[in-house]
Amino acid sequence: MLYFSINSPDNHHLGFLVLMDNDDSTYTNGASGYYAVKAQADEADVQACPVQWQILKQLSQYDSLSWYRQSDYVQLCDAKNNIIGRLQQQYLSLCGQHFLLNDLTGTL
């Protein structure tokens, strides 16, 4: 499992992202799995980033959203298996909005 905090581009904390892989694939090309989003922010951060907050809040309603790896990035899908985003390095794009990720994997 990989754990990340989700922040707006101007560094407002908005929540968390967890990636779980199928079959312990070590996240190699062609790997797939599930992810979960937890929208969690202070009121000031919510007010500063209302569009990003709504996207994360909506995705938080689902337990198991799917992802799959393509070369050097990860495609993120919604509950209907439609591609809604992309994760590449510390950058996350969801539903046309951009976020920054901080890796928490070794710290939890």
N, C-alpha and C. Protein backbone atom coordinates (compact mmCIF):
# COMPACT_ATOMS: atom_id res chain seq x y z
N MET A 1 0.83 -1.18 0.00
CA MET A 1 0.00 0.00 0.00
C MET A 1 0.87 1.25 0.00
N LEU A 2 0.38 2.25 -0.70
CA LEU A 2 1.04 3.55 -0.71
C LEU A 2 0.08 4.58 -0.15
N TYR A 3 0.59 5.49 0.68
CA TYR A 3 -0.22 6.52 1.34
C TYR A 3 0.30 7.90 0.96
N PHE A 4 -0.62 8.81 0.67
CA PHE A 4 -0.25 10.17 0.30
C PHE A 4 -1.19 11.17 0.97
N SER A 5 -0.69 12.35 1.28
CA SER A 5 -1.57 13.46 1.62
C SER A 5 -1.83 14.21 0.32
N ILE A 6 -3.03 14.78 0.21
CA ILE A 6 -3.42 15.52 -0.99
C ILE A 6 -3.49 17.00 -0.63
N ASN A 7 -2.80 17.81 -1.43
CA ASN A 7 -2.76 19.25 -1.22
C ASN A 7 -3.11 19.97 -2.52
N SER A 8 -3.64 21.17 -2.39
CA SER A 8 -3.87 22.02 -3.56
C SER A 8 -2.52 22.51 -4.06
N PRO A 9 -2.45 23.02 -5.29
CA PRO A 9 -1.18 23.55 -5.79
C PRO A 9 -0.60 24.66 -4.92
N ASP A 10 -1.46 25.39 -4.20
CA ASP A 10 -0.96 26.44 -3.31
C ASP A 10 -0.87 25.97 -1.86
N ASN A 11 -0.79 24.65 -1.68
CA ASN A 11 -0.45 23.99 -0.42
C ASN A 11 -1.54 24.02 0.67
N HIS A 12 -2.80 23.93 0.29
CA HIS A 12 -3.88 23.73 1.25
C HIS A 12 -4.10 22.23 1.38
N HIS A 13 -4.05 21.71 2.59
CA HIS A 13 -4.27 20.28 2.82
C HIS A 13 -5.74 19.96 2.62
N LEU A 14 -6.04 18.95 1.76
CA LEU A 14 -7.42 18.62 1.44
C LEU A 14 -7.81 17.18 1.73
N GLY A 15 -6.84 16.30 1.99
CA GLY A 15 -7.21 14.92 2.28
C GLY A 15 -6.07 13.94 2.08
N PHE A 16 -6.48 12.68 1.84
CA PHE A 16 -5.52 11.58 1.73
C PHE A 16 -5.88 10.65 0.58
N LEU A 17 -4.87 9.99 0.04
CA LEU A 17 -5.02 9.01 -1.03
C LEU A 17 -4.28 7.75 -0.63
N VAL A 18 -4.94 6.60 -0.79
CA VAL A 18 -4.31 5.31 -0.53
C VAL A 18 -4.41 4.47 -1.79
N LEU A 19 -3.28 3.93 -2.25
CA LEU A 19 -3.25 3.01 -3.39
C LEU A 19 -2.95 1.60 -2.89
N MET A 20 -3.76 0.64 -3.32
CA MET A 20 -3.54 -0.76 -2.98
C MET A 20 -3.40 -1.53 -4.29
N ASP A 21 -2.38 -2.37 -4.40
CA ASP A 21 -2.18 -3.09 -5.65
C ASP A 21 -2.75 -4.51 -5.57
N ASN A 22 -3.11 -5.05 -6.73
CA ASN A 22 -3.55 -6.43 -6.84
C ASN A 22 -2.33 -7.34 -6.89
N ASP A 23 -2.36 -8.44 -6.22
CA ASP A 23 -1.33 -9.48 -6.35
C ASP A 23 0.08 -9.03 -6.05
N ASP A 24 0.26 -8.06 -5.18
CA ASP A 24 1.58 -7.57 -4.80
C ASP A 24 2.45 -7.31 -6.04
N SER A 25 1.92 -6.54 -6.97
CA SER A 25 2.56 -6.32 -8.27
C SER A 25 3.73 -5.36 -8.23
N THR A 26 4.02 -4.78 -7.12
CA THR A 26 5.09 -3.79 -6.94
C THR A 26 4.95 -2.61 -7.90
N TYR A 27 3.75 -2.33 -8.35
CA TYR A 27 3.45 -1.15 -9.13
C TYR A 27 4.26 -1.06 -10.42
N THR A 28 4.51 -2.19 -11.06
CA THR A 28 5.21 -2.22 -12.34
C THR A 28 4.24 -1.92 -13.48
N ASN A 29 4.75 -1.72 -14.68
CA ASN A 29 3.91 -1.44 -15.83
C ASN A 29 2.86 -2.53 -15.99
N GLY A 30 1.62 -2.14 -16.17
CA GLY A 30 0.52 -3.09 -16.29
C GLY A 30 -0.12 -3.47 -14.96
N ALA A 31 0.45 -3.04 -13.86
CA ALA A 31 -0.11 -3.34 -12.54
C ALA A 31 -1.47 -2.66 -12.41
N SER A 32 -2.28 -3.18 -11.53
CA SER A 32 -3.59 -2.59 -11.29
C SER A 32 -3.95 -2.77 -9.82
N GLY A 33 -5.00 -2.09 -9.41
CA GLY A 33 -5.43 -2.20 -8.03
C GLY A 33 -6.56 -1.26 -7.73
N TYR A 34 -6.68 -0.91 -6.47
CA TYR A 34 -7.76 -0.05 -6.01
C TYR A 34 -7.18 1.14 -5.26
N TYR A 35 -7.95 2.20 -5.21
CA TYR A 35 -7.54 3.36 -4.43
C TYR A 35 -8.73 3.91 -3.67
N ALA A 36 -8.43 4.65 -2.64
CA ALA A 36 -9.46 5.31 -1.84
C ALA A 36 -9.02 6.73 -1.57
N VAL A 37 -9.99 7.63 -1.56
CA VAL A 37 -9.76 9.03 -1.26
C VAL A 37 -10.49 9.36 0.03
N LYS A 38 -9.83 10.10 0.90
CA LYS A 38 -10.46 10.58 2.14
C LYS A 38 -10.33 12.09 2.14
N ALA A 39 -11.46 12.77 1.92
CA ALA A 39 -11.46 14.24 1.99
C ALA A 39 -11.44 14.64 3.45
N GLN A 40 -10.43 15.41 3.83
CA GLN A 40 -10.29 15.84 5.22
C GLN A 40 -9.49 17.13 5.24
N ALA A 41 -10.15 18.21 5.66
CA ALA A 41 -9.48 19.51 5.64
C ALA A 41 -10.10 20.45 6.68
N ASP A 42 -9.34 21.46 7.05
CA ASP A 42 -9.84 22.52 7.90
C ASP A 42 -10.80 23.38 7.08
N GLU A 43 -11.70 24.07 7.77
CA GLU A 43 -12.69 24.90 7.08
C GLU A 43 -12.04 25.96 6.19
N ALA A 44 -10.94 26.54 6.65
CA ALA A 44 -10.25 27.56 5.85
C ALA A 44 -9.73 26.98 4.54
N ASP A 45 -9.21 25.75 4.58
CA ASP A 45 -8.72 25.09 3.36
C ASP A 45 -9.87 24.72 2.43
N VAL A 46 -11.00 24.29 2.99
CA VAL A 46 -12.19 23.98 2.20
C VAL A 46 -12.67 25.23 1.47
N GLN A 47 -12.72 26.34 2.18
CA GLN A 47 -13.18 27.60 1.57
C GLN A 47 -12.20 28.13 0.53
N ALA A 48 -10.92 27.86 0.71
CA ALA A 48 -9.91 28.32 -0.24
C ALA A 48 -9.91 27.50 -1.53
N CYS A 49 -10.40 26.27 -1.46
CA CYS A 49 -10.35 25.36 -2.61
C CYS A 49 -11.68 24.64 -2.81
N PRO A 50 -12.77 25.35 -3.05
CA PRO A 50 -14.08 24.71 -3.10
C PRO A 50 -14.25 23.68 -4.22
N VAL A 51 -13.69 23.93 -5.38
CA VAL A 51 -13.85 22.98 -6.50
C VAL A 51 -13.08 21.70 -6.21
N GLN A 52 -11.83 21.83 -5.81
CA GLN A 52 -11.03 20.64 -5.49
C GLN A 52 -11.66 19.87 -4.34
N TRP A 53 -12.17 20.58 -3.34
CA TRP A 53 -12.79 19.94 -2.18
C TRP A 53 -14.00 19.10 -2.60
N GLN A 54 -14.84 19.63 -3.47
CA GLN A 54 -16.03 18.90 -3.91
C GLN A 54 -15.66 17.61 -4.64
N ILE A 55 -14.63 17.65 -5.45
CA ILE A 55 -14.18 16.45 -6.16
C ILE A 55 -13.73 15.39 -5.16
N LEU A 56 -12.89 15.77 -4.22
CA LEU A 56 -12.40 14.81 -3.22
C LEU A 56 -13.53 14.31 -2.33
N LYS A 57 -14.43 15.18 -1.95
CA LYS A 57 -15.56 14.78 -1.11
C LYS A 57 -16.42 13.75 -1.83
N GLN A 58 -16.67 13.97 -3.11
CA GLN A 58 -17.48 13.03 -3.90
C GLN A 58 -16.78 11.68 -4.02
N LEU A 59 -15.48 11.68 -4.30
CA LEU A 59 -14.73 10.43 -4.43
C LEU A 59 -14.61 9.70 -3.09
N SER A 60 -14.69 10.43 -1.98
CA SER A 60 -14.61 9.81 -0.65
C SER A 60 -15.79 8.88 -0.38
N GLN A 61 -16.86 9.02 -1.13
CA GLN A 61 -18.04 8.19 -0.93
C GLN A 61 -17.85 6.75 -1.40
N TYR A 62 -16.81 6.51 -2.19
CA TYR A 62 -16.58 5.18 -2.76
C TYR A 62 -15.44 4.48 -2.03
N ASP A 63 -15.62 3.20 -1.75
CA ASP A 63 -14.60 2.42 -1.04
C ASP A 63 -13.47 1.94 -1.94
N SER A 64 -13.80 1.48 -3.12
CA SER A 64 -12.80 0.86 -3.98
C SER A 64 -12.89 1.38 -5.40
N LEU A 65 -12.10 2.37 -5.70
CA LEU A 65 -11.98 2.90 -7.04
C LEU A 65 -10.77 2.24 -7.67
N SER A 66 -10.77 2.03 -8.98
CA SER A 66 -9.68 1.27 -9.59
C SER A 66 -8.63 2.17 -10.25
N TRP A 67 -7.43 1.60 -10.38
CA TRP A 67 -6.32 2.27 -11.05
C TRP A 67 -5.55 1.23 -11.84
N TYR A 68 -4.78 1.68 -12.82
CA TYR A 68 -3.83 0.81 -13.52
C TYR A 68 -2.64 1.64 -13.98
N ARG A 69 -1.51 0.97 -14.04
CA ARG A 69 -0.27 1.67 -14.37
C ARG A 69 0.02 1.58 -15.86
N GLN A 70 0.39 2.72 -16.43
CA GLN A 70 0.82 2.85 -17.81
C GLN A 70 2.21 3.48 -17.78
N SER A 71 3.20 2.81 -18.24
CA SER A 71 4.59 3.28 -18.27
C SER A 71 4.97 4.04 -17.00
N ASP A 72 5.05 5.38 -17.03
CA ASP A 72 5.52 6.13 -15.86
C ASP A 72 4.42 6.90 -15.13
N TYR A 73 3.17 6.51 -15.34
CA TYR A 73 2.07 7.16 -14.63
C TYR A 73 0.98 6.15 -14.29
N VAL A 74 0.04 6.57 -13.47
CA VAL A 74 -1.07 5.72 -13.05
C VAL A 74 -2.37 6.38 -13.48
N GLN A 75 -3.21 5.63 -14.20
CA GLN A 75 -4.54 6.11 -14.58
C GLN A 75 -5.50 5.81 -13.43
N LEU A 76 -6.33 6.77 -13.06
CA LEU A 76 -7.31 6.59 -12.00
C LEU A 76 -8.71 6.58 -12.61
N CYS A 77 -9.53 5.62 -12.18
CA CYS A 77 -10.88 5.46 -12.72
C CYS A 77 -11.93 5.73 -11.65
N ASP A 78 -13.13 6.10 -12.10
CA ASP A 78 -14.24 6.32 -11.18
C ASP A 78 -14.95 4.99 -10.90
N ALA A 79 -16.06 5.04 -10.20
CA ALA A 79 -16.79 3.84 -9.81
C ALA A 79 -17.38 3.10 -11.02
N LYS A 80 -17.51 3.79 -12.15
CA LYS A 80 -18.02 3.16 -13.38
C LYS A 80 -16.89 2.74 -14.31
N ASN A 81 -15.66 2.80 -13.81
CA ASN A 81 -14.45 2.42 -14.53
C ASN A 81 -14.09 3.38 -15.68
N ASN A 82 -14.55 4.63 -15.60
CA ASN A 82 -14.16 5.66 -16.56
C ASN A 82 -12.91 6.35 -16.03
N ILE A 83 -11.97 6.64 -16.91
CA ILE A 83 -10.75 7.34 -16.50
C ILE A 83 -11.11 8.77 -16.09
N ILE A 84 -10.73 9.13 -14.86
CA ILE A 84 -11.02 10.47 -14.35
C ILE A 84 -9.77 11.21 -13.92
N GLY A 85 -8.62 10.53 -13.93
CA GLY A 85 -7.43 11.21 -13.46
C GLY A 85 -6.16 10.47 -13.75
N ARG A 86 -5.09 11.11 -13.30
CA ARG A 86 -3.75 10.58 -13.55
C ARG A 86 -2.84 10.98 -12.40
N LEU A 87 -1.99 10.06 -12.01
CA LEU A 87 -0.99 10.30 -10.97
C LEU A 87 0.37 10.09 -11.61
N GLN A 88 1.20 11.11 -11.54
CA GLN A 88 2.56 11.00 -12.09
C GLN A 88 3.50 11.75 -11.16
N GLN A 89 4.46 11.00 -10.61
CA GLN A 89 5.37 11.52 -9.60
C GLN A 89 4.55 12.09 -8.45
N GLN A 90 4.74 13.34 -8.07
CA GLN A 90 3.98 13.90 -6.95
C GLN A 90 2.77 14.70 -7.43
N TYR A 91 2.40 14.59 -8.69
CA TYR A 91 1.29 15.34 -9.25
C TYR A 91 0.07 14.45 -9.47
N LEU A 92 -1.08 14.95 -9.06
CA LEU A 92 -2.34 14.24 -9.20
C LEU A 92 -3.31 15.14 -9.96
N SER A 93 -3.95 14.59 -10.96
CA SER A 93 -4.99 15.29 -11.70
C SER A 93 -6.26 14.47 -11.57
N LEU A 94 -7.35 15.10 -11.11
CA LEU A 94 -8.65 14.44 -10.96
C LEU A 94 -9.73 15.35 -11.50
N CYS A 95 -10.50 14.85 -12.45
CA CYS A 95 -11.65 15.59 -12.98
C CYS A 95 -11.25 17.01 -13.41
N GLY A 96 -10.09 17.15 -14.01
CA GLY A 96 -9.63 18.45 -14.50
C GLY A 96 -8.98 19.36 -13.47
N GLN A 97 -8.92 18.92 -12.23
CA GLN A 97 -8.28 19.72 -11.17
C GLN A 97 -6.92 19.12 -10.83
N HIS A 98 -6.01 19.97 -10.39
CA HIS A 98 -4.65 19.54 -10.10
C HIS A 98 -4.36 19.61 -8.61
N PHE A 99 -3.58 18.62 -8.14
CA PHE A 99 -3.23 18.50 -6.74
C PHE A 99 -1.75 18.11 -6.63
N LEU A 100 -1.18 18.33 -5.46
CA LEU A 100 0.16 17.86 -5.13
C LEU A 100 0.06 16.78 -4.08
N LEU A 101 0.88 15.75 -4.22
CA LEU A 101 0.89 14.66 -3.25
C LEU A 101 2.17 14.69 -2.42
N ASN A 102 2.04 14.34 -1.15
CA ASN A 102 3.18 14.12 -0.28
C ASN A 102 3.15 12.66 0.13
N ASP A 103 4.23 11.95 -0.14
CA ASP A 103 4.30 10.53 0.16
C ASP A 103 4.41 10.32 1.66
N LEU A 104 3.48 9.57 2.22
CA LEU A 104 3.47 9.25 3.65
C LEU A 104 3.79 7.78 3.90
N THR A 105 4.11 7.03 2.88
CA THR A 105 4.24 5.58 2.96
C THR A 105 5.17 5.13 4.07
N GLY A 106 6.32 5.70 4.20
CA GLY A 106 7.27 5.26 5.23
C GLY A 106 7.05 5.86 6.60
N THR A 107 6.12 6.80 6.70
CA THR A 107 5.97 7.52 7.97
C THR A 107 4.81 7.04 8.82
N LEU A 108 3.94 6.20 8.29
CA LEU A 108 2.77 5.74 9.06
C LEU A 108 3.07 4.47 9.82
